[in-house]
Amino acid sequence: MKSKVLKIRNLPEEMQVLNEVKVKPIGSLLALMLVSGVFIISGSTIAIMGVVLLAISSYALLVMPDRILMQFTDEYLVLYNRKNRDECMLIYWDEILLWQYQKHNNEDQLWLQLTDGQTETIECFNRNKIVPYFKIYAKGKERQLKPARRRRSTASSRQKI
């Protein structure tokens, strides 16, 4: 099996990254700053809300740290969200047996099962950036959720008197 955990400094130098997913949603924060600017310019009582939104979005954009969660290449996927921040998981596309993007109330998760039986679960925040690469490079390996069984209605099971 070629997929393995390794130190970030040992990643291949010739790695051509197609796309990467980061923690900080820069586009959304910039849009929030634009909306807050419109609120401030409006000059009405909503301008106070604009100042608050501008302060929060500026803080998130300028002060809070940003880091890479995953990177996509033609040959493999690199997962950086490990307990040890110096390590990453390099997973070759052909070694993914099954994958599934799972939506939850508080966070989304990407579930991977590798050919050796190992499973990886990664917290995610942007389905639109992740799923297209898996549909291209791990085509036909998506695990579908089974539809829930319908329960028989209790009214139809009652006997008529």
N, C-alpha and C. Protein backbone atom coordinates (compact mmCIF):
# COMPACT_ATOMS: atom_id res chain seq x y z
N MET A 1 0.84 -1.18 0.00
CA MET A 1 0.00 0.00 0.00
C MET A 1 0.88 1.24 0.00
N LYS A 2 0.61 2.16 -0.90
CA LYS A 2 1.42 3.37 -1.04
C LYS A 2 0.97 4.50 -0.12
N SER A 3 -0.31 4.51 0.25
CA SER A 3 -0.84 5.57 1.11
C SER A 3 -0.23 5.45 2.50
N LYS A 4 0.11 6.61 3.10
CA LYS A 4 0.77 6.56 4.40
C LYS A 4 0.73 7.91 5.10
N VAL A 5 1.00 7.88 6.39
CA VAL A 5 1.17 9.09 7.18
C VAL A 5 2.64 9.48 7.09
N LEU A 6 2.91 10.75 6.82
CA LEU A 6 4.29 11.20 6.75
C LEU A 6 4.40 12.64 7.22
N LYS A 7 5.61 13.05 7.47
CA LYS A 7 5.86 14.43 7.89
C LYS A 7 5.61 15.36 6.70
N ILE A 8 5.08 16.53 6.97
CA ILE A 8 4.77 17.48 5.91
C ILE A 8 6.02 17.85 5.12
N ARG A 9 7.14 17.95 5.79
CA ARG A 9 8.39 18.30 5.11
C ARG A 9 8.85 17.23 4.11
N ASN A 10 8.31 16.00 4.25
CA ASN A 10 8.69 14.91 3.36
C ASN A 10 7.75 14.72 2.17
N LEU A 11 6.80 15.64 2.00
CA LEU A 11 5.93 15.56 0.83
C LEU A 11 6.76 15.76 -0.44
N PRO A 12 6.34 15.16 -1.55
CA PRO A 12 7.09 15.34 -2.79
C PRO A 12 7.16 16.81 -3.19
N GLU A 13 8.34 17.28 -3.56
CA GLU A 13 8.52 18.69 -3.92
C GLU A 13 7.87 19.01 -5.26
N GLU A 14 7.80 18.04 -6.16
CA GLU A 14 7.24 18.29 -7.48
C GLU A 14 5.72 18.17 -7.51
N MET A 15 5.10 18.17 -6.35
CA MET A 15 3.65 18.03 -6.22
C MET A 15 2.94 19.21 -6.89
N GLN A 16 2.09 18.92 -7.87
CA GLN A 16 1.32 19.96 -8.55
C GLN A 16 -0.10 19.95 -7.99
N VAL A 17 -0.37 20.92 -7.14
CA VAL A 17 -1.66 20.99 -6.45
C VAL A 17 -2.71 21.56 -7.39
N LEU A 18 -3.80 20.80 -7.56
CA LEU A 18 -4.92 21.26 -8.38
C LEU A 18 -5.80 22.24 -7.61
N ASN A 19 -6.05 21.92 -6.36
CA ASN A 19 -6.88 22.77 -5.50
C ASN A 19 -6.60 22.40 -4.06
N GLU A 20 -6.93 23.30 -3.16
CA GLU A 20 -6.78 23.03 -1.74
C GLU A 20 -7.97 23.59 -0.98
N VAL A 21 -8.27 22.97 0.13
CA VAL A 21 -9.37 23.39 0.99
C VAL A 21 -8.75 23.92 2.27
N LYS A 22 -9.13 25.14 2.61
CA LYS A 22 -8.61 25.77 3.83
C LYS A 22 -9.73 25.92 4.86
N VAL A 23 -9.34 26.21 6.08
CA VAL A 23 -10.29 26.36 7.17
C VAL A 23 -11.08 27.66 7.04
N LYS A 24 -10.42 28.74 6.71
CA LYS A 24 -11.04 30.06 6.69
C LYS A 24 -11.81 30.29 5.38
N PRO A 25 -13.12 30.59 5.46
CA PRO A 25 -13.91 30.87 4.26
C PRO A 25 -13.72 32.32 3.80
N ILE A 26 -12.66 32.58 3.08
CA ILE A 26 -12.29 33.94 2.72
C ILE A 26 -13.36 34.63 1.88
N GLY A 27 -13.93 33.93 0.92
CA GLY A 27 -14.97 34.53 0.07
C GLY A 27 -16.18 34.98 0.87
N SER A 28 -16.63 34.15 1.80
CA SER A 28 -17.78 34.50 2.64
C SER A 28 -17.48 35.68 3.55
N LEU A 29 -16.26 35.72 4.08
CA LEU A 29 -15.89 36.83 4.95
C LEU A 29 -15.80 38.14 4.18
N LEU A 30 -15.29 38.10 2.97
CA LEU A 30 -15.24 39.31 2.14
C LEU A 30 -16.65 39.77 1.76
N ALA A 31 -17.53 38.83 1.46
CA ALA A 31 -18.93 39.18 1.16
C ALA A 31 -19.60 39.82 2.38
N LEU A 32 -19.32 39.29 3.57
CA LEU A 32 -19.87 39.85 4.80
C LEU A 32 -19.34 41.27 5.03
N MET A 33 -18.08 41.48 4.71
CA MET A 33 -17.51 42.83 4.84
C MET A 33 -18.19 43.79 3.86
N LEU A 34 -18.49 43.33 2.66
CA LEU A 34 -19.16 44.16 1.67
C LEU A 34 -20.57 44.52 2.13
N VAL A 35 -21.30 43.55 2.64
CA VAL A 35 -22.65 43.80 3.15
C VAL A 35 -22.61 44.76 4.33
N SER A 36 -21.64 44.57 5.21
CA SER A 36 -21.54 45.48 6.36
C SER A 36 -21.19 46.89 5.90
N GLY A 37 -20.39 47.02 4.85
CA GLY A 37 -20.09 48.34 4.29
C GLY A 37 -21.34 49.02 3.74
N VAL A 38 -22.21 48.26 3.09
CA VAL A 38 -23.48 48.79 2.58
C VAL A 38 -24.35 49.25 3.75
N PHE A 39 -24.38 48.46 4.83
CA PHE A 39 -25.15 48.84 6.01
C PHE A 39 -24.63 50.16 6.60
N ILE A 40 -23.32 50.31 6.66
CA ILE A 40 -22.72 51.51 7.23
C ILE A 40 -23.02 52.73 6.36
N ILE A 41 -22.91 52.56 5.07
CA ILE A 41 -23.15 53.68 4.14
C ILE A 41 -24.61 54.10 4.14
N SER A 42 -25.51 53.18 4.43
CA SER A 42 -26.94 53.51 4.43
C SER A 42 -27.28 54.61 5.42
N GLY A 43 -26.51 54.72 6.49
CA GLY A 43 -26.67 55.82 7.43
C GLY A 43 -27.86 55.71 8.35
N SER A 44 -28.62 54.67 8.26
CA SER A 44 -29.77 54.54 9.14
C SER A 44 -29.35 53.81 10.43
N THR A 45 -30.34 53.38 11.18
CA THR A 45 -30.03 52.68 12.44
C THR A 45 -29.38 51.32 12.18
N ILE A 46 -29.48 50.83 10.98
CA ILE A 46 -28.85 49.55 10.63
C ILE A 46 -27.33 49.69 10.50
N ALA A 47 -26.84 50.93 10.49
CA ALA A 47 -25.41 51.18 10.38
C ALA A 47 -24.66 50.61 11.59
N ILE A 48 -25.29 50.59 12.74
CA ILE A 48 -24.66 50.01 13.93
C ILE A 48 -24.41 48.52 13.73
N MET A 49 -25.38 47.85 13.12
CA MET A 49 -25.21 46.44 12.81
C MET A 49 -24.07 46.25 11.80
N GLY A 50 -23.96 47.17 10.86
CA GLY A 50 -22.88 47.12 9.88
C GLY A 50 -21.52 47.23 10.53
N VAL A 51 -21.39 48.10 11.54
CA VAL A 51 -20.12 48.26 12.25
C VAL A 51 -19.77 46.97 12.99
N VAL A 52 -20.76 46.36 13.63
CA VAL A 52 -20.53 45.11 14.36
C VAL A 52 -20.11 44.00 13.39
N LEU A 53 -20.82 43.86 12.28
CA LEU A 53 -20.48 42.84 11.28
C LEU A 53 -19.11 43.08 10.68
N LEU A 54 -18.76 44.33 10.44
CA LEU A 54 -17.44 44.66 9.90
C LEU A 54 -16.35 44.30 10.90
N ALA A 55 -16.58 44.55 12.18
CA ALA A 55 -15.59 44.22 13.20
C ALA A 55 -15.39 42.70 13.30
N ILE A 56 -16.48 41.96 13.29
CA ILE A 56 -16.39 40.50 13.41
C ILE A 56 -15.71 39.89 12.19
N SER A 57 -16.13 40.31 11.00
CA SER A 57 -15.55 39.74 9.78
C SER A 57 -14.09 40.15 9.61
N SER A 58 -13.74 41.38 10.00
CA SER A 58 -12.34 41.82 9.92
C SER A 58 -11.47 41.02 10.89
N TYR A 59 -11.98 40.79 12.08
CA TYR A 59 -11.24 40.00 13.06
C TYR A 59 -11.00 38.58 12.53
N ALA A 60 -12.06 37.98 12.00
CA ALA A 60 -11.94 36.61 11.49
C ALA A 60 -10.98 36.54 10.30
N LEU A 61 -11.00 37.55 9.45
CA LEU A 61 -10.16 37.55 8.26
C LEU A 61 -8.71 37.87 8.56
N LEU A 62 -8.46 38.81 9.47
CA LEU A 62 -7.10 39.29 9.70
C LEU A 62 -6.38 38.65 10.88
N VAL A 63 -7.12 38.26 11.92
CA VAL A 63 -6.47 37.81 13.14
C VAL A 63 -6.49 36.28 13.30
N MET A 64 -7.62 35.67 13.00
CA MET A 64 -7.73 34.22 13.20
C MET A 64 -6.82 33.46 12.25
N PRO A 65 -6.21 32.37 12.72
CA PRO A 65 -5.28 31.63 11.86
C PRO A 65 -6.02 30.85 10.77
N ASP A 66 -5.32 30.63 9.69
CA ASP A 66 -5.84 29.84 8.58
C ASP A 66 -4.87 28.70 8.32
N ARG A 67 -5.38 27.55 7.95
CA ARG A 67 -4.51 26.43 7.63
C ARG A 67 -5.18 25.58 6.56
N ILE A 68 -4.38 24.77 5.91
CA ILE A 68 -4.86 23.91 4.84
C ILE A 68 -5.42 22.62 5.45
N LEU A 69 -6.62 22.22 5.01
CA LEU A 69 -7.21 20.96 5.45
C LEU A 69 -6.83 19.82 4.51
N MET A 70 -6.91 20.07 3.19
CA MET A 70 -6.57 19.03 2.22
C MET A 70 -6.15 19.66 0.90
N GLN A 71 -5.36 18.90 0.16
CA GLN A 71 -4.91 19.29 -1.17
C GLN A 71 -5.18 18.15 -2.14
N PHE A 72 -5.52 18.52 -3.37
CA PHE A 72 -5.82 17.54 -4.41
C PHE A 72 -4.78 17.61 -5.51
N THR A 73 -4.29 16.45 -5.93
CA THR A 73 -3.41 16.33 -7.10
C THR A 73 -4.00 15.27 -8.02
N ASP A 74 -3.39 15.08 -9.18
CA ASP A 74 -3.86 14.05 -10.11
C ASP A 74 -3.65 12.64 -9.56
N GLU A 75 -2.62 12.44 -8.74
CA GLU A 75 -2.27 11.11 -8.26
C GLU A 75 -2.81 10.79 -6.87
N TYR A 76 -2.89 11.79 -6.01
CA TYR A 76 -3.25 11.52 -4.62
C TYR A 76 -3.91 12.72 -3.96
N LEU A 77 -4.38 12.46 -2.75
CA LEU A 77 -5.03 13.43 -1.88
C LEU A 77 -4.16 13.57 -0.64
N VAL A 78 -3.95 14.79 -0.16
CA VAL A 78 -3.17 15.02 1.05
C VAL A 78 -4.09 15.60 2.11
N LEU A 79 -4.19 14.91 3.26
CA LEU A 79 -5.02 15.36 4.38
C LEU A 79 -4.12 15.90 5.48
N TYR A 80 -4.35 17.14 5.88
CA TYR A 80 -3.50 17.79 6.87
C TYR A 80 -4.11 17.82 8.26
N ASN A 81 -5.35 17.50 8.41
CA ASN A 81 -6.03 17.64 9.70
C ASN A 81 -5.72 16.45 10.60
N ARG A 82 -4.53 16.41 11.14
CA ARG A 82 -4.06 15.32 12.00
C ARG A 82 -3.85 15.86 13.42
N LYS A 83 -3.77 14.95 14.39
CA LYS A 83 -3.49 15.37 15.77
C LYS A 83 -2.13 16.03 15.87
N ASN A 84 -1.15 15.44 15.21
CA ASN A 84 0.18 16.03 15.15
C ASN A 84 0.23 16.95 13.94
N ARG A 85 0.37 18.24 14.14
CA ARG A 85 0.30 19.24 13.07
C ARG A 85 1.47 19.13 12.09
N ASP A 86 2.52 18.39 12.44
CA ASP A 86 3.66 18.21 11.54
C ASP A 86 3.44 17.07 10.55
N GLU A 87 2.36 16.32 10.72
CA GLU A 87 2.11 15.15 9.88
C GLU A 87 0.94 15.39 8.93
N CYS A 88 0.92 14.59 7.87
CA CYS A 88 -0.20 14.59 6.94
C CYS A 88 -0.43 13.17 6.46
N MET A 89 -1.56 12.93 5.87
CA MET A 89 -1.89 11.61 5.32
C MET A 89 -1.94 11.73 3.81
N LEU A 90 -1.11 10.97 3.14
CA LEU A 90 -1.06 10.95 1.69
C LEU A 90 -1.85 9.72 1.23
N ILE A 91 -2.93 9.94 0.50
CA ILE A 91 -3.80 8.85 0.06
C ILE A 91 -3.87 8.86 -1.47
N TYR A 92 -3.44 7.76 -2.08
CA TYR A 92 -3.52 7.65 -3.53
C TYR A 92 -4.95 7.35 -3.94
N TRP A 93 -5.38 7.95 -5.04
CA TRP A 93 -6.77 7.81 -5.49
C TRP A 93 -7.14 6.35 -5.74
N ASP A 94 -6.22 5.57 -6.28
CA ASP A 94 -6.55 4.17 -6.60
C ASP A 94 -6.65 3.29 -5.36
N GLU A 95 -6.27 3.79 -4.20
CA GLU A 95 -6.36 3.02 -2.96
C GLU A 95 -7.61 3.35 -2.14
N ILE A 96 -8.46 4.22 -2.69
CA ILE A 96 -9.73 4.52 -2.02
C ILE A 96 -10.74 3.48 -2.48
N LEU A 97 -11.26 2.72 -1.52
CA LEU A 97 -12.24 1.69 -1.82
C LEU A 97 -13.65 2.29 -1.87
N LEU A 98 -13.98 3.07 -0.84
CA LEU A 98 -15.28 3.75 -0.75
C LEU A 98 -15.09 5.13 -0.15
N TRP A 99 -15.96 6.05 -0.52
CA TRP A 99 -15.96 7.38 0.09
C TRP A 99 -17.40 7.86 0.21
N GLN A 100 -17.60 8.76 1.17
CA GLN A 100 -18.94 9.31 1.37
C GLN A 100 -18.82 10.69 2.04
N TYR A 101 -19.57 11.64 1.52
CA TYR A 101 -19.66 12.95 2.16
C TYR A 101 -20.90 12.93 3.03
N GLN A 102 -20.72 13.13 4.34
CA GLN A 102 -21.82 13.04 5.29
C GLN A 102 -22.13 14.41 5.86
N LYS A 103 -23.40 14.79 5.80
CA LYS A 103 -23.83 16.07 6.36
C LYS A 103 -24.36 15.84 7.78
N HIS A 104 -23.92 16.68 8.70
CA HIS A 104 -24.37 16.62 10.08
C HIS A 104 -24.80 18.03 10.49
N ASN A 105 -25.44 18.15 11.62
CA ASN A 105 -25.92 19.45 12.07
C ASN A 105 -24.79 20.43 12.37
N ASN A 106 -23.73 19.97 13.03
CA ASN A 106 -22.68 20.89 13.46
C ASN A 106 -21.48 20.92 12.51
N GLU A 107 -21.24 19.86 11.75
CA GLU A 107 -20.12 19.83 10.80
C GLU A 107 -20.36 18.73 9.78
N ASP A 108 -19.75 18.88 8.63
CA ASP A 108 -19.81 17.83 7.62
C ASP A 108 -18.55 16.99 7.74
N GLN A 109 -18.63 15.75 7.27
CA GLN A 109 -17.49 14.86 7.34
C GLN A 109 -17.30 14.13 6.01
N LEU A 110 -16.05 13.90 5.68
CA LEU A 110 -15.71 13.07 4.55
C LEU A 110 -15.20 11.76 5.12
N TRP A 111 -15.87 10.67 4.75
CA TRP A 111 -15.51 9.34 5.23
C TRP A 111 -14.84 8.58 4.09
N LEU A 112 -13.66 8.03 4.37
CA LEU A 112 -12.90 7.27 3.37
C LEU A 112 -12.60 5.88 3.91
N GLN A 113 -12.74 4.88 3.05
CA GLN A 113 -12.29 3.53 3.39
C GLN A 113 -11.25 3.14 2.35
N LEU A 114 -10.07 2.76 2.84
CA LEU A 114 -8.96 2.41 1.96
C LEU A 114 -8.95 0.91 1.69
N THR A 115 -8.16 0.50 0.72
CA THR A 115 -8.13 -0.90 0.30
C THR A 115 -7.63 -1.84 1.39
N ASP A 116 -6.86 -1.34 2.35
CA ASP A 116 -6.39 -2.20 3.44
C ASP A 116 -7.36 -2.26 4.61
N GLY A 117 -8.56 -1.65 4.46
CA GLY A 117 -9.57 -1.68 5.51
C GLY A 117 -9.51 -0.48 6.44
N GLN A 118 -8.48 0.32 6.35
CA GLN A 118 -8.34 1.51 7.19
C GLN A 118 -9.39 2.54 6.80
N THR A 119 -9.97 3.24 7.78
CA THR A 119 -10.93 4.30 7.50
C THR A 119 -10.39 5.62 8.03
N GLU A 120 -10.69 6.67 7.31
CA GLU A 120 -10.32 8.04 7.71
C GLU A 120 -11.59 8.87 7.69
N THR A 121 -11.77 9.72 8.69
CA THR A 121 -12.88 10.65 8.74
C THR A 121 -12.31 12.05 8.91
N ILE A 122 -12.68 12.93 8.02
CA ILE A 122 -12.14 14.28 8.01
C ILE A 122 -13.29 15.27 8.12
N GLU A 123 -13.19 16.24 9.02
CA GLU A 123 -14.23 17.25 9.08
C GLU A 123 -14.06 18.21 7.91
N CYS A 124 -15.17 18.57 7.31
CA CYS A 124 -15.16 19.40 6.11
C CYS A 124 -16.14 20.55 6.26
N PHE A 125 -15.96 21.55 5.42
CA PHE A 125 -16.82 22.72 5.49
C PHE A 125 -17.36 23.14 4.13
N ASN A 126 -16.87 22.55 3.04
CA ASN A 126 -17.28 22.99 1.72
C ASN A 126 -17.42 21.81 0.77
N ARG A 127 -18.62 21.32 0.64
CA ARG A 127 -18.91 20.17 -0.23
C ARG A 127 -18.58 20.48 -1.69
N ASN A 128 -18.84 21.71 -2.11
CA ASN A 128 -18.66 22.07 -3.52
C ASN A 128 -17.21 22.02 -3.97
N LYS A 129 -16.26 22.14 -3.07
CA LYS A 129 -14.85 22.04 -3.44
C LYS A 129 -14.33 20.61 -3.40
N ILE A 130 -14.92 19.77 -2.57
CA ILE A 130 -14.39 18.44 -2.31
C ILE A 130 -14.98 17.38 -3.23
N VAL A 131 -16.29 17.32 -3.31
CA VAL A 131 -16.97 16.24 -4.02
C VAL A 131 -16.60 16.15 -5.50
N PRO A 132 -16.47 17.26 -6.24
CA PRO A 132 -16.11 17.13 -7.66
C PRO A 132 -14.80 16.36 -7.90
N TYR A 133 -13.81 16.53 -7.06
CA TYR A 133 -12.54 15.81 -7.22
C TYR A 133 -12.72 14.32 -6.95
N PHE A 134 -13.54 13.99 -5.97
CA PHE A 134 -13.79 12.58 -5.68
C PHE A 134 -14.61 11.94 -6.80
N LYS A 135 -15.51 12.70 -7.41
CA LYS A 135 -16.30 12.14 -8.52
C LYS A 135 -15.44 11.92 -9.76
N ILE A 136 -14.36 12.67 -9.89
CA ILE A 136 -13.44 12.50 -11.03
C ILE A 136 -12.43 11.40 -10.74
N TYR A 137 -11.73 11.49 -9.61
CA TYR A 137 -10.59 10.61 -9.34
C TYR A 137 -10.95 9.32 -8.60
N ALA A 138 -12.08 9.31 -7.90
CA ALA A 138 -12.54 8.08 -7.22
C ALA A 138 -13.93 7.75 -7.75
N LYS A 139 -14.04 7.79 -9.04
CA LYS A 139 -15.32 7.61 -9.72
C LYS A 139 -15.89 6.21 -9.44
N GLY A 140 -17.19 6.17 -9.14
CA GLY A 140 -17.87 4.91 -8.91
C GLY A 140 -17.61 4.30 -7.55
N LYS A 141 -16.93 5.02 -6.67
CA LYS A 141 -16.60 4.48 -5.35
C LYS A 141 -17.37 5.15 -4.23
N GLU A 142 -18.33 6.00 -4.60
CA GLU A 142 -19.10 6.70 -3.58
C GLU A 142 -20.09 5.75 -2.93
N ARG A 143 -20.11 5.76 -1.61
CA ARG A 143 -21.05 4.93 -0.85
C ARG A 143 -22.34 5.71 -0.69
N GLN A 144 -23.41 5.14 -1.18
CA GLN A 144 -24.71 5.79 -1.11
C GLN A 144 -25.40 5.42 0.18
N LEU A 145 -26.10 6.38 0.74
CA LEU A 145 -26.90 6.10 1.93
C LEU A 145 -28.13 5.29 1.52
N LYS A 146 -28.46 4.30 2.30
CA LYS A 146 -29.66 3.51 2.02
C LYS A 146 -30.87 4.32 2.46
N PRO A 147 -31.92 4.34 1.64
CA PRO A 147 -33.12 5.08 2.05
C PRO A 147 -33.77 4.41 3.26
N ALA A 148 -34.33 5.23 4.11
CA ALA A 148 -34.97 4.70 5.32
C ALA A 148 -36.22 3.90 4.95
N ARG A 149 -36.45 2.85 5.69
CA ARG A 149 -37.64 2.04 5.46
C ARG A 149 -38.87 2.81 5.89
N ARG A 150 -39.92 2.63 5.14
CA ARG A 150 -41.18 3.26 5.53
C ARG A 150 -41.90 2.33 6.48
N ARG A 151 -42.39 2.90 7.52
CA ARG A 151 -43.14 2.11 8.51
C ARG A 151 -44.59 2.08 8.09
N ARG A 152 -45.20 0.96 8.34
CA ARG A 152 -46.62 0.86 8.04
C ARG A 152 -47.41 1.75 8.97
N SER A 153 -48.39 2.34 8.43
CA SER A 153 -49.25 3.21 9.22
C SER A 153 -50.03 2.36 10.22
N THR A 154 -50.17 2.88 11.44
CA THR A 154 -50.90 2.13 12.47
C THR A 154 -52.38 2.11 12.15
N ALA A 155 -52.89 3.06 11.41
CA ALA A 155 -54.31 3.12 11.09
C ALA A 155 -54.67 1.98 10.14
N SER A 156 -53.77 1.64 9.22
CA SER A 156 -54.08 0.57 8.27
C SER A 156 -53.96 -0.80 8.91
N SER A 157 -53.23 -0.90 10.01
CA SER A 157 -53.06 -2.20 10.65
C SER A 157 -54.14 -2.48 11.70
N ARG A 158 -54.96 -1.49 12.00
CA ARG A 158 -56.04 -1.70 12.97
C ARG A 158 -57.16 -2.51 12.34
N GLN A 159 -57.76 -3.29 13.15
CA GLN A 159 -58.91 -4.04 12.66
C GLN A 159 -60.15 -3.19 12.77
N LYS A 160 -61.00 -3.31 11.78
CA LYS A 160 -62.25 -2.55 11.80
C LYS A 160 -63.24 -3.27 12.69
N ILE A 161 -63.95 -2.51 13.46
CA ILE A 161 -64.95 -3.09 14.38
C ILE A 161 -66.31 -3.00 13.76
